[in-house]
Amino acid sequence: MVSKLIKSVLAELLLELEGLEEVQKFKRLEQLIFADLDLKEQVELFHNISKQMTNAKELGLENAYLEYQKEYQKLLVSFEENVILQMYLDASEDIKDILNLITEVIEKEINNKLNE
């Protein structure tokens, strides 16, 4: 019973998210980027380096982390030179902020219910 309720609430939440202007903007930018092989490769490289940097930090590999951080910063600078890529990064941050807010609200509500 609970899992059906959770699935229903999640489906409703996903529908709401799909309708947000920020999500629509992100999808349009993503389509533009994936239609251009060079831009797509830059974004994929950016995501890969970001993941490697995070992994190196979590594993305590300071030298590797610093190297990935340098590459990451170089890519950020190159993204700032391209309007579409900069808009994509901004839209990604907007989506991340929305998801963080949703997570905070869910956690708060669960904690409130557990403390009743």
N, C-alpha and C. Protein backbone atom coordinates (compact mmCIF):
# COMPACT_ATOMS: atom_id res chain seq x y z
N MET A 1 0.82 -1.20 0.00
CA MET A 1 0.00 0.00 0.00
C MET A 1 0.86 1.25 0.00
N VAL A 2 1.88 1.29 0.87
CA VAL A 2 2.74 2.47 0.96
C VAL A 2 3.49 2.68 -0.35
N SER A 3 3.98 1.60 -0.95
CA SER A 3 4.77 1.76 -2.17
C SER A 3 3.91 2.31 -3.31
N LYS A 4 2.62 1.92 -3.37
CA LYS A 4 1.73 2.47 -4.39
C LYS A 4 1.53 3.97 -4.17
N LEU A 5 1.39 4.36 -2.92
CA LEU A 5 1.22 5.76 -2.59
C LEU A 5 2.48 6.56 -2.97
N ILE A 6 3.63 6.01 -2.63
CA ILE A 6 4.90 6.69 -2.95
C ILE A 6 5.06 6.82 -4.46
N LYS A 7 4.76 5.74 -5.18
CA LYS A 7 4.86 5.80 -6.65
C LYS A 7 3.91 6.84 -7.23
N SER A 8 2.73 6.92 -6.68
CA SER A 8 1.75 7.89 -7.14
C SER A 8 2.22 9.32 -6.89
N VAL A 9 2.74 9.56 -5.69
CA VAL A 9 3.23 10.90 -5.35
C VAL A 9 4.43 11.26 -6.22
N LEU A 10 5.33 10.30 -6.43
CA LEU A 10 6.49 10.56 -7.28
C LEU A 10 6.08 10.85 -8.72
N ALA A 11 5.12 10.12 -9.23
CA ALA A 11 4.64 10.36 -10.59
C ALA A 11 4.07 11.76 -10.72
N GLU A 12 3.31 12.18 -9.70
CA GLU A 12 2.73 13.52 -9.70
C GLU A 12 3.83 14.58 -9.62
N LEU A 13 4.83 14.34 -8.78
CA LEU A 13 5.94 15.27 -8.64
C LEU A 13 6.71 15.39 -9.96
N LEU A 14 6.94 14.27 -10.61
CA LEU A 14 7.65 14.29 -11.90
C LEU A 14 6.87 15.08 -12.95
N LEU A 15 5.56 14.91 -12.96
CA LEU A 15 4.73 15.68 -13.90
C LEU A 15 4.86 17.18 -13.63
N GLU A 16 4.83 17.54 -12.36
CA GLU A 16 4.99 18.95 -11.98
C GLU A 16 6.35 19.48 -12.41
N LEU A 17 7.39 18.69 -12.17
CA LEU A 17 8.75 19.11 -12.55
C LEU A 17 8.86 19.30 -14.06
N GLU A 18 8.27 18.38 -14.82
CA GLU A 18 8.32 18.47 -16.28
C GLU A 18 7.73 19.79 -16.78
N GLY A 19 6.76 20.30 -16.07
CA GLY A 19 6.10 21.53 -16.49
C GLY A 19 6.81 22.81 -16.09
N LEU A 20 7.81 22.71 -15.24
CA LEU A 20 8.52 23.91 -14.79
C LEU A 20 9.29 24.54 -15.94
N GLU A 21 9.27 25.87 -15.96
CA GLU A 21 9.98 26.62 -16.99
C GLU A 21 11.48 26.28 -16.99
N GLU A 22 12.05 26.13 -15.81
CA GLU A 22 13.48 25.82 -15.70
C GLU A 22 13.81 24.47 -16.34
N VAL A 23 12.95 23.50 -16.16
CA VAL A 23 13.17 22.18 -16.75
C VAL A 23 13.02 22.24 -18.26
N GLN A 24 12.03 22.97 -18.72
CA GLN A 24 11.82 23.12 -20.17
C GLN A 24 13.02 23.81 -20.82
N LYS A 25 13.52 24.84 -20.17
CA LYS A 25 14.70 25.55 -20.68
C LYS A 25 15.90 24.62 -20.75
N PHE A 26 16.11 23.84 -19.69
CA PHE A 26 17.22 22.89 -19.65
C PHE A 26 17.11 21.89 -20.80
N LYS A 27 15.92 21.37 -21.03
CA LYS A 27 15.72 20.40 -22.11
C LYS A 27 16.00 21.00 -23.49
N ARG A 28 15.57 22.25 -23.69
CA ARG A 28 15.84 22.91 -24.97
C ARG A 28 17.34 23.09 -25.19
N LEU A 29 18.03 23.51 -24.14
CA LEU A 29 19.48 23.69 -24.24
C LEU A 29 20.18 22.36 -24.48
N GLU A 30 19.71 21.34 -23.81
CA GLU A 30 20.28 20.02 -23.97
C GLU A 30 20.12 19.54 -25.42
N GLN A 31 18.97 19.79 -26.01
CA GLN A 31 18.74 19.42 -27.41
C GLN A 31 19.71 20.16 -28.33
N LEU A 32 19.90 21.45 -28.08
CA LEU A 32 20.85 22.23 -28.88
C LEU A 32 22.26 21.67 -28.77
N ILE A 33 22.65 21.34 -27.57
CA ILE A 33 24.00 20.84 -27.31
C ILE A 33 24.20 19.48 -27.96
N PHE A 34 23.23 18.58 -27.78
CA PHE A 34 23.39 17.23 -28.32
C PHE A 34 23.28 17.18 -29.84
N ALA A 35 22.77 18.26 -30.44
CA ALA A 35 22.72 18.33 -31.90
C ALA A 35 24.06 18.76 -32.49
N ASP A 36 24.95 19.27 -31.65
CA ASP A 36 26.27 19.73 -32.08
C ASP A 36 27.32 18.82 -31.45
N LEU A 37 28.03 18.06 -32.25
CA LEU A 37 28.97 17.07 -31.74
C LEU A 37 30.04 17.69 -30.85
N ASP A 38 30.58 18.85 -31.24
CA ASP A 38 31.62 19.50 -30.42
C ASP A 38 31.09 19.90 -29.05
N LEU A 39 29.91 20.51 -29.03
CA LEU A 39 29.32 20.91 -27.75
C LEU A 39 29.00 19.69 -26.90
N LYS A 40 28.48 18.66 -27.53
CA LYS A 40 28.15 17.43 -26.80
C LYS A 40 29.40 16.84 -26.16
N GLU A 41 30.49 16.80 -26.90
CA GLU A 41 31.74 16.25 -26.36
C GLU A 41 32.26 17.10 -25.21
N GLN A 42 32.14 18.42 -25.31
CA GLN A 42 32.58 19.29 -24.23
C GLN A 42 31.77 19.04 -22.96
N VAL A 43 30.47 18.89 -23.10
CA VAL A 43 29.60 18.66 -21.94
C VAL A 43 29.91 17.29 -21.33
N GLU A 44 30.09 16.28 -22.17
CA GLU A 44 30.41 14.95 -21.65
C GLU A 44 31.76 14.97 -20.93
N LEU A 45 32.74 15.66 -21.49
CA LEU A 45 34.04 15.78 -20.84
C LEU A 45 33.91 16.50 -19.50
N PHE A 46 33.12 17.55 -19.47
CA PHE A 46 32.88 18.31 -18.25
C PHE A 46 32.29 17.41 -17.16
N HIS A 47 31.28 16.63 -17.53
CA HIS A 47 30.64 15.74 -16.55
C HIS A 47 31.61 14.65 -16.09
N ASN A 48 32.39 14.11 -17.01
CA ASN A 48 33.36 13.07 -16.64
C ASN A 48 34.42 13.60 -15.68
N ILE A 49 34.95 14.77 -15.97
CA ILE A 49 35.97 15.36 -15.10
C ILE A 49 35.37 15.70 -13.74
N SER A 50 34.15 16.19 -13.75
CA SER A 50 33.47 16.51 -12.49
C SER A 50 33.33 15.25 -11.63
N LYS A 51 32.93 14.14 -12.24
CA LYS A 51 32.80 12.87 -11.51
C LYS A 51 34.15 12.39 -11.00
N GLN A 52 35.17 12.47 -11.85
CA GLN A 52 36.50 12.03 -11.44
C GLN A 52 37.04 12.89 -10.30
N MET A 53 36.78 14.18 -10.37
CA MET A 53 37.22 15.09 -9.32
C MET A 53 36.54 14.73 -7.99
N THR A 54 35.24 14.49 -8.05
CA THR A 54 34.49 14.11 -6.85
C THR A 54 35.00 12.79 -6.28
N ASN A 55 35.21 11.81 -7.15
CA ASN A 55 35.71 10.51 -6.70
C ASN A 55 37.09 10.64 -6.06
N ALA A 56 37.97 11.41 -6.69
CA ALA A 56 39.33 11.59 -6.15
C ALA A 56 39.26 12.24 -4.77
N LYS A 57 38.39 13.21 -4.61
CA LYS A 57 38.25 13.87 -3.31
C LYS A 57 37.73 12.90 -2.26
N GLU A 58 36.72 12.11 -2.61
CA GLU A 58 36.14 11.16 -1.67
C GLU A 58 37.15 10.08 -1.28
N LEU A 59 38.03 9.72 -2.21
CA LEU A 59 39.03 8.69 -1.93
C LEU A 59 40.29 9.25 -1.27
N GLY A 60 40.34 10.57 -1.11
CA GLY A 60 41.49 11.20 -0.47
C GLY A 60 42.71 11.28 -1.37
N LEU A 61 42.49 11.25 -2.68
CA LEU A 61 43.60 11.34 -3.65
C LEU A 61 43.83 12.81 -3.99
N GLU A 62 44.55 13.48 -3.12
CA GLU A 62 44.72 14.94 -3.20
C GLU A 62 45.34 15.39 -4.53
N ASN A 63 46.42 14.73 -4.96
CA ASN A 63 47.08 15.13 -6.21
C ASN A 63 46.17 14.96 -7.41
N ALA A 64 45.48 13.82 -7.47
CA ALA A 64 44.54 13.58 -8.57
C ALA A 64 43.42 14.61 -8.53
N TYR A 65 42.92 14.88 -7.32
CA TYR A 65 41.86 15.86 -7.17
C TYR A 65 42.29 17.23 -7.71
N LEU A 66 43.48 17.65 -7.35
CA LEU A 66 43.98 18.95 -7.80
C LEU A 66 44.14 19.01 -9.32
N GLU A 67 44.59 17.91 -9.91
CA GLU A 67 44.73 17.85 -11.38
C GLU A 67 43.36 17.95 -12.05
N TYR A 68 42.40 17.18 -11.55
CA TYR A 68 41.05 17.23 -12.11
C TYR A 68 40.42 18.61 -11.90
N GLN A 69 40.74 19.22 -10.77
CA GLN A 69 40.20 20.55 -10.50
C GLN A 69 40.74 21.57 -11.51
N LYS A 70 42.02 21.45 -11.87
CA LYS A 70 42.59 22.35 -12.88
C LYS A 70 41.88 22.18 -14.22
N GLU A 71 41.67 20.92 -14.63
CA GLU A 71 40.98 20.65 -15.88
C GLU A 71 39.55 21.19 -15.83
N TYR A 72 38.91 20.99 -14.69
CA TYR A 72 37.54 21.45 -14.50
C TYR A 72 37.46 22.96 -14.65
N GLN A 73 38.39 23.67 -14.02
CA GLN A 73 38.40 25.13 -14.10
C GLN A 73 38.64 25.61 -15.54
N LYS A 74 39.53 24.92 -16.27
CA LYS A 74 39.76 25.28 -17.67
C LYS A 74 38.49 25.12 -18.49
N LEU A 75 37.79 24.03 -18.25
CA LEU A 75 36.53 23.81 -18.97
C LEU A 75 35.50 24.86 -18.60
N LEU A 76 35.44 25.23 -17.34
CA LEU A 76 34.50 26.28 -16.94
C LEU A 76 34.77 27.58 -17.69
N VAL A 77 36.04 27.92 -17.82
CA VAL A 77 36.40 29.14 -18.55
C VAL A 77 35.95 29.03 -20.01
N SER A 78 36.18 27.86 -20.62
CA SER A 78 35.77 27.70 -22.02
C SER A 78 34.25 27.72 -22.15
N PHE A 79 33.54 27.24 -21.14
CA PHE A 79 32.08 27.28 -21.16
C PHE A 79 31.59 28.72 -21.10
N GLU A 80 32.30 29.56 -20.36
CA GLU A 80 31.91 30.96 -20.23
C GLU A 80 32.04 31.70 -21.56
N GLU A 81 32.86 31.16 -22.46
CA GLU A 81 33.05 31.78 -23.77
C GLU A 81 31.96 31.38 -24.76
N ASN A 82 31.14 30.42 -24.40
CA ASN A 82 30.07 29.94 -25.28
C ASN A 82 28.73 30.18 -24.58
N VAL A 83 27.89 30.98 -25.20
CA VAL A 83 26.61 31.38 -24.59
C VAL A 83 25.74 30.17 -24.29
N ILE A 84 25.66 29.22 -25.21
CA ILE A 84 24.81 28.05 -25.01
C ILE A 84 25.31 27.22 -23.82
N LEU A 85 26.61 27.00 -23.75
CA LEU A 85 27.17 26.22 -22.66
C LEU A 85 27.01 26.94 -21.32
N GLN A 86 27.16 28.24 -21.32
CA GLN A 86 26.97 29.00 -20.08
C GLN A 86 25.52 28.93 -19.63
N MET A 87 24.60 29.06 -20.58
CA MET A 87 23.19 28.94 -20.24
C MET A 87 22.86 27.54 -19.73
N TYR A 88 23.51 26.53 -20.31
CA TYR A 88 23.33 25.14 -19.88
C TYR A 88 23.79 24.97 -18.43
N LEU A 89 24.96 25.51 -18.11
CA LEU A 89 25.46 25.42 -16.72
C LEU A 89 24.51 26.13 -15.76
N ASP A 90 24.05 27.30 -16.16
CA ASP A 90 23.12 28.05 -15.31
C ASP A 90 21.82 27.26 -15.10
N ALA A 91 21.31 26.68 -16.19
CA ALA A 91 20.07 25.89 -16.10
C ALA A 91 20.29 24.65 -15.24
N SER A 92 21.46 24.05 -15.35
CA SER A 92 21.79 22.88 -14.52
C SER A 92 21.77 23.26 -13.04
N GLU A 93 22.33 24.41 -12.71
CA GLU A 93 22.33 24.89 -11.33
C GLU A 93 20.90 25.15 -10.84
N ASP A 94 20.07 25.71 -11.72
CA ASP A 94 18.68 25.96 -11.35
C ASP A 94 17.97 24.65 -11.01
N ILE A 95 18.18 23.63 -11.84
CA ILE A 95 17.56 22.32 -11.61
C ILE A 95 18.09 21.72 -10.30
N LYS A 96 19.39 21.82 -10.10
CA LYS A 96 19.99 21.30 -8.87
C LYS A 96 19.39 21.99 -7.64
N ASP A 97 19.21 23.31 -7.71
CA ASP A 97 18.61 24.06 -6.60
C ASP A 97 17.18 23.59 -6.32
N ILE A 98 16.42 23.36 -7.39
CA ILE A 98 15.04 22.90 -7.24
C ILE A 98 15.02 21.52 -6.57
N LEU A 99 15.89 20.63 -7.02
CA LEU A 99 15.93 19.28 -6.44
C LEU A 99 16.38 19.31 -4.98
N ASN A 100 17.32 20.19 -4.67
CA ASN A 100 17.75 20.33 -3.27
C ASN A 100 16.61 20.85 -2.40
N LEU A 101 15.85 21.79 -2.92
CA LEU A 101 14.71 22.33 -2.17
C LEU A 101 13.67 21.24 -1.93
N ILE A 102 13.38 20.47 -2.96
CA ILE A 102 12.41 19.38 -2.83
C ILE A 102 12.89 18.38 -1.77
N THR A 103 14.17 18.05 -1.82
CA THR A 103 14.75 17.12 -0.84
C THR A 103 14.61 17.66 0.57
N GLU A 104 14.91 18.94 0.75
CA GLU A 104 14.79 19.55 2.08
C GLU A 104 13.37 19.51 2.59
N VAL A 105 12.41 19.81 1.72
CA VAL A 105 11.01 19.82 2.12
C VAL A 105 10.57 18.41 2.51
N ILE A 106 10.95 17.42 1.70
CA ILE A 106 10.58 16.03 2.00
C ILE A 106 11.19 15.60 3.34
N GLU A 107 12.48 15.89 3.53
CA GLU A 107 13.13 15.52 4.79
C GLU A 107 12.45 16.18 5.99
N LYS A 108 12.13 17.45 5.84
CA LYS A 108 11.48 18.18 6.93
C LYS A 108 10.12 17.57 7.27
N GLU A 109 9.35 17.27 6.24
CA GLU A 109 8.03 16.69 6.46
C GLU A 109 8.12 15.31 7.10
N ILE A 110 9.06 14.51 6.65
CA ILE A 110 9.24 13.16 7.24
C ILE A 110 9.65 13.29 8.70
N ASN A 111 10.61 14.17 8.98
CA ASN A 111 11.05 14.38 10.37
C ASN A 111 9.91 14.88 11.25
N ASN A 112 9.10 15.79 10.71
CA ASN A 112 7.95 16.28 11.47
C ASN A 112 6.99 15.15 11.81
N LYS A 113 6.72 14.28 10.84
CA LYS A 113 5.80 13.16 11.07
C LYS A 113 6.39 12.17 12.07
N LEU A 114 7.69 11.93 11.97
CA LEU A 114 8.32 10.99 12.89
C LEU A 114 8.37 11.51 14.32
N ASN A 115 8.41 12.83 14.48
CA ASN A 115 8.50 13.44 15.80
C ASN A 115 7.14 13.74 16.43
N GLU A 116 6.07 13.42 15.73
CA GLU A 116 4.73 13.68 16.29
C GLU A 116 4.40 12.72 17.39
